[in-house]
Amino acid sequence: MRLERRGRWLALGTAVLGFACGGKGGGGTGPCTPGAATQLVKTSGDPAPWYINNPLPAALSVTARDANNCAVPGVVVNWAVASGGGAVTGQGPTNADGVATATDSIGSSTSQSVTATPALTSLPTVTFSVSASATPPTSGAVSVVNNSFDPASSVVKAGSTVTWTWNSGGVEHTLTFTSGPPPLPGQTDQTSGTKAIQFNVAGKYAYHCIIHGGMAGTLTVVH
């Protein structure tokens, strides 16, 4: 009886310890209880190359952690372009997940360096390396096949024309835009042939086939 009771208390103590130290960033199963921040790290590494004079498609992101890798909220991070031109927007404390983000636009040069400097002087400055290609594509081509668009995502320069070609063996598919800068193109419903659309406004467009679930694509139009 005593061994059984002792085992129950041991299990309970282990569970409480795991609850306090685990969770987001802590490696356990319960919510994390953060201590003082000792680390500032890139959340997802350097971004993939993008296009000059255009904002990156995803924000730059850093995470503050304590000595146990527990995410720490409330750490103020200041962002700045260290070299290469362009502009970065983002300043404030890390959120509940210990994450701070910034929107970065690449300038006219092909390389850029962005720093994330924590207000806590005990933490290191994080530097992102960003690169850009000269110009985006001036046309695009998408194949409409059964249950997918190929490629599923495309990038073109504003003013370019994108052509969708139905290669679906006579199976009906629609090209239906669901989001993007207005006005959105009207719906196309075909079993063969092509549909060419010119896109003059920069932004991210999402489209899908209303007949076949999960058949979707995106088009990013840049400057």
N, C-alpha and C. Protein backbone atom coordinates (compact mmCIF):
# COMPACT_ATOMS: atom_id res chain seq x y z
N MET A 1 0.83 -1.20 0.00
CA MET A 1 0.00 0.00 0.00
C MET A 1 0.86 1.26 0.00
N ARG A 2 1.94 1.26 0.87
CA ARG A 2 2.81 2.43 0.93
C ARG A 2 3.55 2.64 -0.39
N LEU A 3 3.99 1.52 -1.01
CA LEU A 3 4.69 1.63 -2.28
C LEU A 3 3.78 2.21 -3.36
N GLU A 4 2.53 1.75 -3.35
CA GLU A 4 1.57 2.24 -4.33
C GLU A 4 1.33 3.74 -4.15
N ARG A 5 1.16 4.17 -2.89
CA ARG A 5 0.91 5.59 -2.61
C ARG A 5 2.12 6.44 -2.99
N ARG A 6 3.32 5.92 -2.67
CA ARG A 6 4.55 6.64 -3.01
C ARG A 6 4.69 6.79 -4.52
N GLY A 7 4.32 5.73 -5.25
CA GLY A 7 4.39 5.79 -6.71
C GLY A 7 3.45 6.84 -7.28
N ARG A 8 2.27 6.97 -6.66
CA ARG A 8 1.31 7.97 -7.12
C ARG A 8 1.85 9.38 -6.91
N TRP A 9 2.44 9.64 -5.74
CA TRP A 9 3.00 10.96 -5.45
C TRP A 9 4.17 11.28 -6.38
N LEU A 10 4.99 10.26 -6.70
CA LEU A 10 6.11 10.47 -7.61
C LEU A 10 5.62 10.83 -9.01
N ALA A 11 4.58 10.13 -9.45
CA ALA A 11 4.02 10.42 -10.78
C ALA A 11 3.44 11.81 -10.82
N LEU A 12 2.75 12.22 -9.72
CA LEU A 12 2.15 13.54 -9.66
C LEU A 12 3.22 14.61 -9.70
N GLY A 13 4.32 14.40 -8.94
CA GLY A 13 5.40 15.37 -8.93
C GLY A 13 6.05 15.52 -10.29
N THR A 14 6.22 14.41 -10.99
CA THR A 14 6.81 14.44 -12.32
C THR A 14 5.92 15.19 -13.29
N ALA A 15 4.60 14.98 -13.17
CA ALA A 15 3.65 15.66 -14.04
C ALA A 15 3.67 17.16 -13.81
N VAL A 16 3.73 17.59 -12.54
CA VAL A 16 3.77 19.01 -12.23
C VAL A 16 5.03 19.64 -12.77
N LEU A 17 6.17 18.96 -12.63
CA LEU A 17 7.43 19.47 -13.15
C LEU A 17 7.37 19.61 -14.66
N GLY A 18 6.81 18.62 -15.34
CA GLY A 18 6.68 18.68 -16.79
C GLY A 18 5.76 19.81 -17.21
N PHE A 19 4.70 20.07 -16.42
CA PHE A 19 3.76 21.14 -16.73
C PHE A 19 4.46 22.49 -16.66
N ALA A 20 5.36 22.65 -15.68
CA ALA A 20 6.03 23.93 -15.49
C ALA A 20 7.10 24.18 -16.52
N CYS A 21 7.77 23.12 -17.00
CA CYS A 21 8.94 23.33 -17.86
C CYS A 21 8.71 22.98 -19.31
N GLY A 22 7.57 22.37 -19.64
CA GLY A 22 7.38 21.94 -21.02
C GLY A 22 6.67 22.99 -21.84
N GLY A 23 5.99 22.50 -22.90
CA GLY A 23 5.16 23.38 -23.70
C GLY A 23 5.93 24.05 -24.81
N LYS A 24 5.46 25.24 -25.21
CA LYS A 24 5.99 25.94 -26.35
C LYS A 24 7.46 26.28 -26.12
N GLY A 25 8.30 25.67 -26.91
CA GLY A 25 9.72 25.94 -26.82
C GLY A 25 10.42 25.21 -25.71
N GLY A 26 9.69 24.49 -24.84
CA GLY A 26 10.31 23.86 -23.71
C GLY A 26 10.54 22.38 -23.87
N GLY A 27 9.89 21.76 -24.84
CA GLY A 27 10.10 20.35 -25.12
C GLY A 27 9.21 19.44 -24.32
N GLY A 28 8.32 19.96 -23.47
CA GLY A 28 7.43 19.12 -22.68
C GLY A 28 6.04 19.11 -23.24
N THR A 29 5.07 18.71 -22.40
CA THR A 29 3.71 18.58 -22.88
C THR A 29 2.79 19.66 -22.33
N GLY A 30 3.21 20.40 -21.32
CA GLY A 30 2.37 21.44 -20.73
C GLY A 30 2.85 22.82 -21.12
N PRO A 31 2.14 23.88 -20.69
CA PRO A 31 2.57 25.24 -20.99
C PRO A 31 3.88 25.57 -20.30
N CYS A 32 4.67 26.43 -20.94
CA CYS A 32 5.99 26.79 -20.43
C CYS A 32 5.87 27.91 -19.40
N THR A 33 6.71 27.89 -18.38
CA THR A 33 6.82 28.99 -17.43
C THR A 33 8.16 29.65 -17.66
N PRO A 34 8.20 30.78 -18.38
CA PRO A 34 9.48 31.35 -18.79
C PRO A 34 10.22 32.02 -17.64
N GLY A 35 11.55 31.97 -17.75
CA GLY A 35 12.41 32.73 -16.87
C GLY A 35 12.95 33.93 -17.62
N ALA A 36 14.08 34.46 -17.20
CA ALA A 36 14.69 35.59 -17.88
C ALA A 36 15.21 35.16 -19.25
N ALA A 37 15.05 36.03 -20.24
CA ALA A 37 15.51 35.72 -21.59
C ALA A 37 17.03 35.66 -21.63
N THR A 38 17.56 34.61 -22.24
CA THR A 38 19.00 34.45 -22.41
C THR A 38 19.39 34.28 -23.87
N GLN A 39 18.38 34.14 -24.76
CA GLN A 39 18.65 33.88 -26.17
C GLN A 39 17.70 34.70 -27.04
N LEU A 40 18.19 35.13 -28.19
CA LEU A 40 17.35 35.68 -29.24
C LEU A 40 17.80 35.01 -30.53
N VAL A 41 16.91 34.23 -31.15
CA VAL A 41 17.29 33.41 -32.30
C VAL A 41 16.34 33.64 -33.46
N LYS A 42 16.81 33.34 -34.67
CA LYS A 42 15.95 33.40 -35.84
C LYS A 42 14.89 32.31 -35.75
N THR A 43 13.64 32.69 -35.95
CA THR A 43 12.56 31.71 -35.87
C THR A 43 12.61 30.72 -37.01
N SER A 44 12.87 31.21 -38.22
CA SER A 44 12.86 30.32 -39.39
C SER A 44 14.02 30.58 -40.34
N GLY A 45 15.10 31.14 -39.86
CA GLY A 45 16.28 31.32 -40.69
C GLY A 45 16.18 32.51 -41.63
N ASP A 46 17.20 32.65 -42.50
CA ASP A 46 17.20 33.71 -43.50
C ASP A 46 16.15 33.43 -44.57
N PRO A 47 15.54 34.48 -45.12
CA PRO A 47 14.51 34.26 -46.14
C PRO A 47 15.11 33.81 -47.47
N ALA A 48 14.29 33.18 -48.28
CA ALA A 48 14.71 32.79 -49.63
C ALA A 48 14.87 34.05 -50.48
N PRO A 49 15.69 34.00 -51.53
CA PRO A 49 15.87 35.17 -52.40
C PRO A 49 14.54 35.67 -52.95
N TRP A 50 14.41 37.00 -53.07
CA TRP A 50 13.18 37.61 -53.57
C TRP A 50 13.55 38.61 -54.65
N TYR A 51 12.70 39.60 -54.92
CA TYR A 51 12.89 40.52 -56.03
C TYR A 51 13.16 41.93 -55.53
N ILE A 52 14.02 42.66 -56.26
CA ILE A 52 14.38 44.02 -55.84
C ILE A 52 13.14 44.92 -55.83
N ASN A 53 13.18 45.90 -54.94
CA ASN A 53 12.11 46.90 -54.80
C ASN A 53 10.76 46.27 -54.50
N ASN A 54 10.78 45.19 -53.71
CA ASN A 54 9.54 44.51 -53.34
C ASN A 54 9.60 44.03 -51.90
N PRO A 55 8.47 44.05 -51.20
CA PRO A 55 8.44 43.49 -49.84
C PRO A 55 8.56 41.98 -49.88
N LEU A 56 9.23 41.41 -48.90
CA LEU A 56 9.31 39.96 -48.81
C LEU A 56 7.91 39.37 -48.61
N PRO A 57 7.66 38.18 -49.15
CA PRO A 57 6.32 37.57 -49.00
C PRO A 57 6.01 37.13 -47.58
N ALA A 58 7.04 36.95 -46.75
CA ALA A 58 6.82 36.55 -45.35
C ALA A 58 7.67 37.44 -44.45
N ALA A 59 7.18 37.65 -43.23
CA ALA A 59 7.87 38.53 -42.30
C ALA A 59 9.16 37.89 -41.78
N LEU A 60 10.13 38.73 -41.44
CA LEU A 60 11.29 38.26 -40.68
C LEU A 60 10.84 38.02 -39.24
N SER A 61 11.44 37.02 -38.58
CA SER A 61 10.93 36.63 -37.27
C SER A 61 12.05 36.15 -36.36
N VAL A 62 12.02 36.61 -35.11
CA VAL A 62 12.96 36.13 -34.09
C VAL A 62 12.17 35.66 -32.87
N THR A 63 12.79 34.77 -32.09
CA THR A 63 12.16 34.23 -30.89
C THR A 63 13.09 34.42 -29.69
N ALA A 64 12.53 34.94 -28.60
CA ALA A 64 13.27 35.07 -27.34
C ALA A 64 13.02 33.83 -26.50
N ARG A 65 14.09 33.27 -25.91
CA ARG A 65 13.99 32.06 -25.10
C ARG A 65 14.82 32.23 -23.83
N ASP A 66 14.45 31.45 -22.80
CA ASP A 66 15.26 31.45 -21.58
C ASP A 66 16.28 30.31 -21.65
N ALA A 67 16.98 30.06 -20.55
CA ALA A 67 18.04 29.06 -20.54
C ALA A 67 17.51 27.65 -20.77
N ASN A 68 16.20 27.44 -20.54
CA ASN A 68 15.58 26.13 -20.75
C ASN A 68 14.84 26.04 -22.09
N ASN A 69 15.12 27.01 -22.97
CA ASN A 69 14.46 27.08 -24.29
C ASN A 69 12.98 27.38 -24.20
N CYS A 70 12.54 27.94 -23.11
CA CYS A 70 11.15 28.35 -22.95
C CYS A 70 10.97 29.72 -23.59
N ALA A 71 9.93 29.89 -24.40
CA ALA A 71 9.67 31.16 -25.08
C ALA A 71 9.36 32.25 -24.06
N VAL A 72 9.94 33.43 -24.27
CA VAL A 72 9.80 34.54 -23.33
C VAL A 72 9.05 35.70 -24.00
N PRO A 73 7.86 36.06 -23.51
CA PRO A 73 7.15 37.22 -24.06
C PRO A 73 7.68 38.52 -23.47
N GLY A 74 7.31 39.65 -24.13
CA GLY A 74 7.61 40.96 -23.57
C GLY A 74 9.01 41.48 -23.79
N VAL A 75 9.82 40.83 -24.62
CA VAL A 75 11.17 41.31 -24.91
C VAL A 75 11.11 42.27 -26.10
N VAL A 76 11.46 43.54 -25.88
CA VAL A 76 11.39 44.54 -26.94
C VAL A 76 12.52 44.31 -27.95
N VAL A 77 12.16 44.31 -29.23
CA VAL A 77 13.13 44.10 -30.31
C VAL A 77 13.04 45.28 -31.28
N ASN A 78 14.17 45.86 -31.61
CA ASN A 78 14.25 46.97 -32.57
C ASN A 78 14.87 46.48 -33.87
N TRP A 79 14.22 46.79 -34.98
CA TRP A 79 14.65 46.32 -36.30
C TRP A 79 15.26 47.48 -37.09
N ALA A 80 16.27 47.18 -37.91
CA ALA A 80 16.89 48.21 -38.74
C ALA A 80 17.58 47.58 -39.94
N VAL A 81 17.66 48.34 -41.04
CA VAL A 81 18.44 47.92 -42.21
C VAL A 81 19.88 48.34 -41.97
N ALA A 82 20.77 47.37 -41.90
CA ALA A 82 22.18 47.66 -41.63
C ALA A 82 22.94 47.98 -42.91
N SER A 83 22.54 47.38 -44.04
CA SER A 83 23.19 47.65 -45.32
C SER A 83 22.29 47.21 -46.45
N GLY A 84 22.49 47.83 -47.62
CA GLY A 84 21.79 47.38 -48.82
C GLY A 84 20.53 48.12 -49.18
N GLY A 85 20.10 49.10 -48.40
CA GLY A 85 18.91 49.86 -48.75
C GLY A 85 17.63 49.14 -48.42
N GLY A 86 16.51 49.66 -48.94
CA GLY A 86 15.21 49.10 -48.60
C GLY A 86 14.73 49.64 -47.27
N ALA A 87 13.72 49.01 -46.70
CA ALA A 87 13.14 49.47 -45.44
C ALA A 87 12.58 48.29 -44.68
N VAL A 88 12.62 48.39 -43.36
CA VAL A 88 12.07 47.36 -42.49
C VAL A 88 11.17 48.03 -41.46
N THR A 89 10.00 47.41 -41.21
CA THR A 89 9.03 47.96 -40.28
C THR A 89 8.71 46.93 -39.22
N GLY A 90 9.00 47.27 -37.98
CA GLY A 90 8.70 46.37 -36.88
C GLY A 90 9.43 46.79 -35.63
N GLN A 91 8.69 47.03 -34.57
CA GLN A 91 9.31 47.38 -33.30
C GLN A 91 8.29 47.11 -32.20
N GLY A 92 8.74 46.44 -31.15
CA GLY A 92 7.83 46.14 -30.07
C GLY A 92 8.22 44.87 -29.36
N PRO A 93 7.44 44.48 -28.36
CA PRO A 93 7.78 43.29 -27.56
C PRO A 93 7.43 42.00 -28.25
N THR A 94 8.11 40.93 -27.86
CA THR A 94 7.74 39.60 -28.34
C THR A 94 6.36 39.23 -27.83
N ASN A 95 5.63 38.43 -28.60
CA ASN A 95 4.27 38.07 -28.23
C ASN A 95 4.24 36.92 -27.23
N ALA A 96 3.07 36.35 -27.02
CA ALA A 96 2.91 35.28 -26.03
C ALA A 96 3.74 34.05 -26.37
N ASP A 97 4.09 33.88 -27.64
CA ASP A 97 4.93 32.76 -28.06
C ASP A 97 6.40 33.14 -28.12
N GLY A 98 6.74 34.34 -27.61
CA GLY A 98 8.12 34.78 -27.61
C GLY A 98 8.62 35.28 -28.94
N VAL A 99 7.70 35.58 -29.88
CA VAL A 99 8.08 35.90 -31.25
C VAL A 99 7.87 37.39 -31.55
N ALA A 100 8.85 37.99 -32.23
CA ALA A 100 8.73 39.34 -32.76
C ALA A 100 8.96 39.28 -34.26
N THR A 101 8.18 40.05 -35.03
CA THR A 101 8.28 40.01 -36.48
C THR A 101 8.46 41.40 -37.07
N ALA A 102 8.92 41.43 -38.31
CA ALA A 102 9.08 42.69 -39.03
C ALA A 102 8.83 42.47 -40.51
N THR A 103 8.24 43.48 -41.17
CA THR A 103 8.02 43.47 -42.61
C THR A 103 9.21 44.12 -43.30
N ASP A 104 9.80 43.41 -44.25
CA ASP A 104 11.01 43.88 -44.90
C ASP A 104 10.77 44.09 -46.39
N SER A 105 11.18 45.25 -46.90
CA SER A 105 11.14 45.52 -48.34
C SER A 105 12.57 45.67 -48.83
N ILE A 106 12.92 44.93 -49.88
CA ILE A 106 14.26 44.99 -50.44
C ILE A 106 14.36 46.21 -51.34
N GLY A 107 15.49 46.90 -51.30
CA GLY A 107 15.70 48.07 -52.14
C GLY A 107 16.19 47.70 -53.53
N SER A 108 16.93 48.61 -54.15
CA SER A 108 17.38 48.40 -55.52
C SER A 108 18.67 47.59 -55.61
N SER A 109 19.32 47.35 -54.47
CA SER A 109 20.54 46.53 -54.49
C SER A 109 20.16 45.06 -54.37
N THR A 110 21.10 44.18 -54.72
CA THR A 110 20.79 42.74 -54.73
C THR A 110 21.03 42.05 -53.40
N SER A 111 21.59 42.76 -52.43
CA SER A 111 21.80 42.15 -51.11
C SER A 111 21.46 43.17 -50.03
N GLN A 112 21.05 42.66 -48.90
CA GLN A 112 20.60 43.50 -47.81
C GLN A 112 20.90 42.80 -46.49
N SER A 113 21.18 43.58 -45.46
CA SER A 113 21.40 43.05 -44.12
C SER A 113 20.44 43.75 -43.17
N VAL A 114 19.71 42.97 -42.38
CA VAL A 114 18.74 43.51 -41.43
C VAL A 114 19.08 43.01 -40.03
N THR A 115 19.06 43.91 -39.06
CA THR A 115 19.38 43.53 -37.69
C THR A 115 18.14 43.60 -36.80
N ALA A 116 18.06 42.65 -35.87
CA ALA A 116 17.04 42.64 -34.83
C ALA A 116 17.79 42.79 -33.51
N THR A 117 17.67 43.96 -32.90
CA THR A 117 18.44 44.27 -31.69
C THR A 117 17.52 44.31 -30.48
N PRO A 118 17.72 43.43 -29.50
CA PRO A 118 16.86 43.44 -28.31
C PRO A 118 17.21 44.61 -27.40
N ALA A 119 16.20 45.14 -26.72
CA ALA A 119 16.43 46.21 -25.76
C ALA A 119 17.26 45.72 -24.58
N LEU A 120 17.18 44.41 -24.29
CA LEU A 120 18.01 43.83 -23.24
C LEU A 120 19.44 43.71 -23.76
N THR A 121 20.34 44.46 -23.18
CA THR A 121 21.72 44.47 -23.67
C THR A 121 22.45 43.16 -23.43
N SER A 122 21.87 42.30 -22.58
CA SER A 122 22.51 41.00 -22.32
C SER A 122 22.27 40.02 -23.46
N LEU A 123 21.35 40.33 -24.36
CA LEU A 123 21.04 39.44 -25.47
C LEU A 123 21.77 39.90 -26.73
N PRO A 124 22.11 38.96 -27.61
CA PRO A 124 22.85 39.32 -28.83
C PRO A 124 21.94 39.92 -29.88
N THR A 125 22.51 40.70 -30.78
CA THR A 125 21.81 41.18 -31.96
C THR A 125 21.77 40.07 -33.00
N VAL A 126 20.62 39.90 -33.64
CA VAL A 126 20.46 38.89 -34.69
C VAL A 126 20.50 39.59 -36.04
N THR A 127 21.25 39.03 -36.98
CA THR A 127 21.40 39.63 -38.32
C THR A 127 20.83 38.70 -39.38
N PHE A 128 19.95 39.24 -40.21
CA PHE A 128 19.39 38.50 -41.34
C PHE A 128 20.10 38.92 -42.62
N SER A 129 20.41 37.94 -43.47
CA SER A 129 20.98 38.20 -44.79
C SER A 129 19.89 37.97 -45.83
N VAL A 130 19.60 39.01 -46.61
CA VAL A 130 18.53 38.96 -47.60
C VAL A 130 19.14 39.22 -48.98
N SER A 131 18.72 38.45 -49.97
CA SER A 131 19.22 38.65 -51.33
C SER A 131 18.06 38.79 -52.29
N ALA A 132 18.33 39.42 -53.44
CA ALA A 132 17.28 39.67 -54.42
C ALA A 132 17.80 39.42 -55.82
N SER A 133 16.89 38.96 -56.69
CA SER A 133 17.22 38.82 -58.10
C SER A 133 16.86 40.12 -58.81
N ALA A 134 17.32 40.28 -60.02
CA ALA A 134 17.16 41.56 -60.71
C ALA A 134 15.71 41.87 -61.06
N THR A 135 15.06 40.98 -61.76
CA THR A 135 13.69 41.25 -62.20
C THR A 135 12.84 40.01 -62.10
N PRO A 136 11.54 40.16 -61.82
CA PRO A 136 10.63 39.01 -61.79
C PRO A 136 10.23 38.62 -63.21
N PRO A 137 9.64 37.45 -63.39
CA PRO A 137 9.17 37.01 -64.71
C PRO A 137 8.13 37.98 -65.29
N THR A 138 8.12 38.13 -66.60
CA THR A 138 7.17 39.02 -67.27
C THR A 138 6.01 38.27 -67.90
N SER A 139 5.92 36.97 -67.65
CA SER A 139 4.77 36.17 -68.10
C SER A 139 4.70 34.92 -67.24
N GLY A 140 3.55 34.28 -67.28
CA GLY A 140 3.38 33.06 -66.50
C GLY A 140 2.52 32.05 -67.23
N ALA A 141 2.72 30.77 -66.93
CA ALA A 141 1.94 29.70 -67.54
C ALA A 141 1.59 28.66 -66.49
N VAL A 142 0.30 28.31 -66.42
CA VAL A 142 -0.18 27.34 -65.45
C VAL A 142 -0.98 26.27 -66.19
N SER A 143 -0.68 25.02 -65.91
CA SER A 143 -1.42 23.90 -66.51
C SER A 143 -2.54 23.47 -65.57
N VAL A 144 -3.74 23.40 -66.10
CA VAL A 144 -4.90 22.93 -65.33
C VAL A 144 -5.04 21.43 -65.60
N VAL A 145 -4.59 20.63 -64.65
CA VAL A 145 -4.68 19.18 -64.78
C VAL A 145 -5.71 18.67 -63.79
N ASN A 146 -5.97 17.38 -63.82
CA ASN A 146 -7.01 16.85 -62.95
C ASN A 146 -6.60 16.96 -61.49
N ASN A 147 -7.38 17.77 -60.76
CA ASN A 147 -7.26 17.96 -59.31
C ASN A 147 -6.05 18.78 -58.87
N SER A 148 -5.40 19.51 -59.80
CA SER A 148 -4.33 20.39 -59.37
C SER A 148 -4.03 21.43 -60.45
N PHE A 149 -3.41 22.53 -60.00
CA PHE A 149 -2.84 23.53 -60.88
C PHE A 149 -1.32 23.36 -60.84
N ASP A 150 -0.67 23.38 -62.00
CA ASP A 150 0.77 23.13 -62.07
C ASP A 150 1.46 24.26 -62.85
N PRO A 151 2.28 25.09 -62.17
CA PRO A 151 2.64 25.02 -60.75
C PRO A 151 1.53 25.56 -59.86
N ALA A 152 1.58 25.18 -58.59
CA ALA A 152 0.56 25.62 -57.65
C ALA A 152 0.75 27.08 -57.24
N SER A 153 1.96 27.60 -57.38
CA SER A 153 2.22 29.01 -57.07
C SER A 153 3.11 29.61 -58.14
N SER A 154 2.84 30.87 -58.47
CA SER A 154 3.59 31.56 -59.52
C SER A 154 3.86 32.99 -59.08
N VAL A 155 4.91 33.58 -59.68
CA VAL A 155 5.25 34.98 -59.43
C VAL A 155 5.48 35.66 -60.78
N VAL A 156 4.86 36.83 -60.97
CA VAL A 156 5.08 37.61 -62.19
C VAL A 156 5.17 39.09 -61.84
N LYS A 157 5.72 39.86 -62.76
CA LYS A 157 5.82 41.30 -62.62
C LYS A 157 4.48 41.94 -62.98
N ALA A 158 4.12 43.02 -62.29
CA ALA A 158 2.87 43.73 -62.59
C ALA A 158 2.84 44.14 -64.06
N GLY A 159 1.68 43.96 -64.68
CA GLY A 159 1.52 44.22 -66.10
C GLY A 159 1.69 42.99 -66.96
N SER A 160 2.07 41.87 -66.35
CA SER A 160 2.30 40.62 -67.10
C SER A 160 0.99 39.86 -67.31
N THR A 161 1.04 38.94 -68.27
CA THR A 161 -0.10 38.08 -68.57
C THR A 161 0.21 36.66 -68.14
N VAL A 162 -0.73 36.04 -67.47
CA VAL A 162 -0.62 34.64 -67.07
C VAL A 162 -1.65 33.84 -67.87
N THR A 163 -1.22 32.71 -68.43
CA THR A 163 -2.11 31.88 -69.24
C THR A 163 -2.32 30.52 -68.57
N TRP A 164 -3.58 30.19 -68.33
CA TRP A 164 -3.96 28.87 -67.81
C TRP A 164 -4.39 28.00 -69.00
N THR A 165 -3.84 26.78 -69.08
CA THR A 165 -4.14 25.85 -70.16
C THR A 165 -4.76 24.59 -69.59
N TRP A 166 -5.97 24.23 -70.07
CA TRP A 166 -6.67 23.04 -69.58
C TRP A 166 -6.09 21.78 -70.24
N ASN A 167 -5.37 21.00 -69.47
CA ASN A 167 -4.81 19.73 -69.91
C ASN A 167 -5.42 18.60 -69.09
N SER A 168 -6.73 18.59 -69.03
CA SER A 168 -7.43 17.70 -68.10
C SER A 168 -8.21 16.60 -68.80
N GLY A 169 -7.94 16.38 -70.09
CA GLY A 169 -8.60 15.29 -70.80
C GLY A 169 -10.10 15.45 -70.91
N GLY A 170 -10.57 16.69 -71.04
CA GLY A 170 -12.00 16.94 -71.16
C GLY A 170 -12.75 17.05 -69.85
N VAL A 171 -12.06 16.91 -68.73
CA VAL A 171 -12.71 17.05 -67.43
C VAL A 171 -12.90 18.53 -67.13
N GLU A 172 -14.07 18.88 -66.65
CA GLU A 172 -14.39 20.28 -66.36
C GLU A 172 -13.71 20.76 -65.08
N HIS A 173 -13.09 21.94 -65.17
CA HIS A 173 -12.50 22.61 -64.01
C HIS A 173 -12.79 24.10 -64.10
N THR A 174 -12.93 24.74 -62.96
CA THR A 174 -13.11 26.19 -62.96
C THR A 174 -11.84 26.88 -62.50
N LEU A 175 -11.70 28.12 -62.92
CA LEU A 175 -10.66 29.02 -62.42
C LEU A 175 -11.42 30.13 -61.70
N THR A 176 -11.46 30.02 -60.38
CA THR A 176 -12.27 30.92 -59.56
C THR A 176 -11.38 31.65 -58.56
N PHE A 177 -11.26 32.98 -58.69
CA PHE A 177 -10.42 33.76 -57.79
C PHE A 177 -11.20 34.09 -56.52
N THR A 178 -10.54 33.88 -55.38
CA THR A 178 -11.21 34.08 -54.09
C THR A 178 -10.66 35.26 -53.30
N SER A 179 -9.43 35.69 -53.60
CA SER A 179 -8.86 36.83 -52.89
C SER A 179 -7.78 37.47 -53.72
N GLY A 180 -7.48 38.72 -53.40
CA GLY A 180 -6.47 39.48 -54.13
C GLY A 180 -6.95 40.90 -54.32
N PRO A 181 -6.11 41.77 -54.87
CA PRO A 181 -6.51 43.16 -55.11
C PRO A 181 -7.72 43.23 -56.04
N PRO A 182 -8.73 43.99 -55.67
CA PRO A 182 -9.91 44.11 -56.54
C PRO A 182 -9.62 45.01 -57.75
N PRO A 183 -10.40 44.83 -58.83
CA PRO A 183 -11.44 43.82 -58.99
C PRO A 183 -10.82 42.47 -59.40
N LEU A 184 -11.37 41.38 -58.86
CA LEU A 184 -10.87 40.06 -59.19
C LEU A 184 -11.38 39.62 -60.57
N PRO A 185 -10.60 38.81 -61.30
CA PRO A 185 -11.07 38.28 -62.58
C PRO A 185 -12.33 37.46 -62.39
N GLY A 186 -13.18 37.45 -63.40
CA GLY A 186 -14.39 36.64 -63.34
C GLY A 186 -14.09 35.16 -63.44
N GLN A 187 -15.06 34.36 -63.06
CA GLN A 187 -14.86 32.91 -63.06
C GLN A 187 -14.80 32.35 -64.48
N THR A 188 -13.89 31.41 -64.70
CA THR A 188 -13.77 30.69 -65.97
C THR A 188 -14.10 29.22 -65.74
N ASP A 189 -14.96 28.67 -66.59
CA ASP A 189 -15.40 27.28 -66.45
C ASP A 189 -15.19 26.59 -67.79
N GLN A 190 -14.16 25.71 -67.86
CA GLN A 190 -13.79 25.11 -69.14
C GLN A 190 -13.43 23.64 -68.98
N THR A 191 -13.43 22.93 -70.13
CA THR A 191 -12.94 21.55 -70.18
C THR A 191 -11.69 21.43 -71.03
N SER A 192 -11.38 22.51 -71.81
CA SER A 192 -10.19 22.53 -72.65
C SER A 192 -9.89 23.97 -73.02
N GLY A 193 -8.80 24.17 -73.76
CA GLY A 193 -8.47 25.51 -74.20
C GLY A 193 -7.63 26.28 -73.19
N THR A 194 -7.58 27.60 -73.35
CA THR A 194 -6.76 28.45 -72.51
C THR A 194 -7.54 29.65 -72.00
N LYS A 195 -6.98 30.28 -70.97
CA LYS A 195 -7.51 31.54 -70.44
C LYS A 195 -6.32 32.41 -70.06
N ALA A 196 -6.18 33.57 -70.73
CA ALA A 196 -5.08 34.49 -70.47
C ALA A 196 -5.63 35.72 -69.73
N ILE A 197 -4.96 36.08 -68.64
CA ILE A 197 -5.40 37.23 -67.83
C ILE A 197 -4.18 38.11 -67.55
N GLN A 198 -4.36 39.41 -67.74
CA GLN A 198 -3.30 40.37 -67.42
C GLN A 198 -3.51 40.90 -66.01
N PHE A 199 -2.41 40.97 -65.24
CA PHE A 199 -2.47 41.43 -63.86
C PHE A 199 -1.63 42.70 -63.72
N ASN A 200 -2.31 43.80 -63.40
CA ASN A 200 -1.64 45.10 -63.34
C ASN A 200 -1.39 45.58 -61.91
N VAL A 201 -2.03 44.97 -60.94
CA VAL A 201 -1.93 45.44 -59.55
C VAL A 201 -1.14 44.42 -58.73
N ALA A 202 -0.11 44.90 -58.03
CA ALA A 202 0.71 44.01 -57.20
C ALA A 202 -0.09 43.49 -56.02
N GLY A 203 0.18 42.26 -55.64
CA GLY A 203 -0.50 41.63 -54.51
C GLY A 203 -0.52 40.13 -54.68
N LYS A 204 -1.11 39.45 -53.72
CA LYS A 204 -1.19 37.99 -53.77
C LYS A 204 -2.62 37.58 -54.07
N TYR A 205 -2.78 36.79 -55.13
CA TYR A 205 -4.08 36.32 -55.58
C TYR A 205 -4.22 34.83 -55.25
N ALA A 206 -5.38 34.44 -54.78
CA ALA A 206 -5.66 33.03 -54.51
C ALA A 206 -6.83 32.59 -55.40
N TYR A 207 -6.73 31.36 -55.92
CA TYR A 207 -7.80 30.85 -56.77
C TYR A 207 -7.96 29.35 -56.54
N HIS A 208 -9.08 28.81 -56.99
CA HIS A 208 -9.33 27.38 -56.82
C HIS A 208 -10.36 26.91 -57.84
N CYS A 209 -10.55 25.60 -57.89
CA CYS A 209 -11.62 25.00 -58.70
C CYS A 209 -12.78 24.70 -57.76
N ILE A 210 -13.96 25.23 -58.08
CA ILE A 210 -15.10 25.03 -57.18
C ILE A 210 -15.68 23.62 -57.30
N ILE A 211 -15.26 22.88 -58.31
CA ILE A 211 -15.81 21.53 -58.51
C ILE A 211 -15.02 20.50 -57.73
N HIS A 212 -13.70 20.70 -57.62
CA HIS A 212 -12.84 19.69 -57.00
C HIS A 212 -12.16 20.27 -55.76
N GLY A 213 -12.53 19.77 -54.61
CA GLY A 213 -11.98 20.25 -53.34
C GLY A 213 -10.48 20.06 -53.25
N GLY A 214 -9.80 21.06 -52.72
CA GLY A 214 -8.35 20.98 -52.56
C GLY A 214 -7.56 21.38 -53.78
N MET A 215 -8.24 21.66 -54.88
CA MET A 215 -7.56 22.08 -56.11
C MET A 215 -7.43 23.60 -56.07
N ALA A 216 -6.25 24.10 -55.70
CA ALA A 216 -6.07 25.53 -55.48
C ALA A 216 -4.69 25.97 -55.90
N GLY A 217 -4.55 27.29 -56.12
CA GLY A 217 -3.27 27.87 -56.51
C GLY A 217 -3.17 29.31 -56.05
N THR A 218 -1.96 29.85 -56.11
CA THR A 218 -1.73 31.26 -55.77
C THR A 218 -0.88 31.91 -56.85
N LEU A 219 -1.08 33.21 -57.00
CA LEU A 219 -0.29 34.01 -57.93
C LEU A 219 0.15 35.27 -57.17
N THR A 220 1.46 35.52 -57.13
CA THR A 220 1.99 36.72 -56.51
C THR A 220 2.46 37.67 -57.59
N VAL A 221 1.89 38.88 -57.61
CA VAL A 221 2.26 39.90 -58.58
C VAL A 221 3.11 40.94 -57.85
N VAL A 222 4.34 41.16 -58.33
CA VAL A 222 5.26 42.08 -57.69
C VAL A 222 5.53 43.28 -58.60
N HIS A 223 6.17 44.31 -58.02
CA HIS A 223 6.45 45.53 -58.77
C HIS A 223 7.51 45.30 -59.83
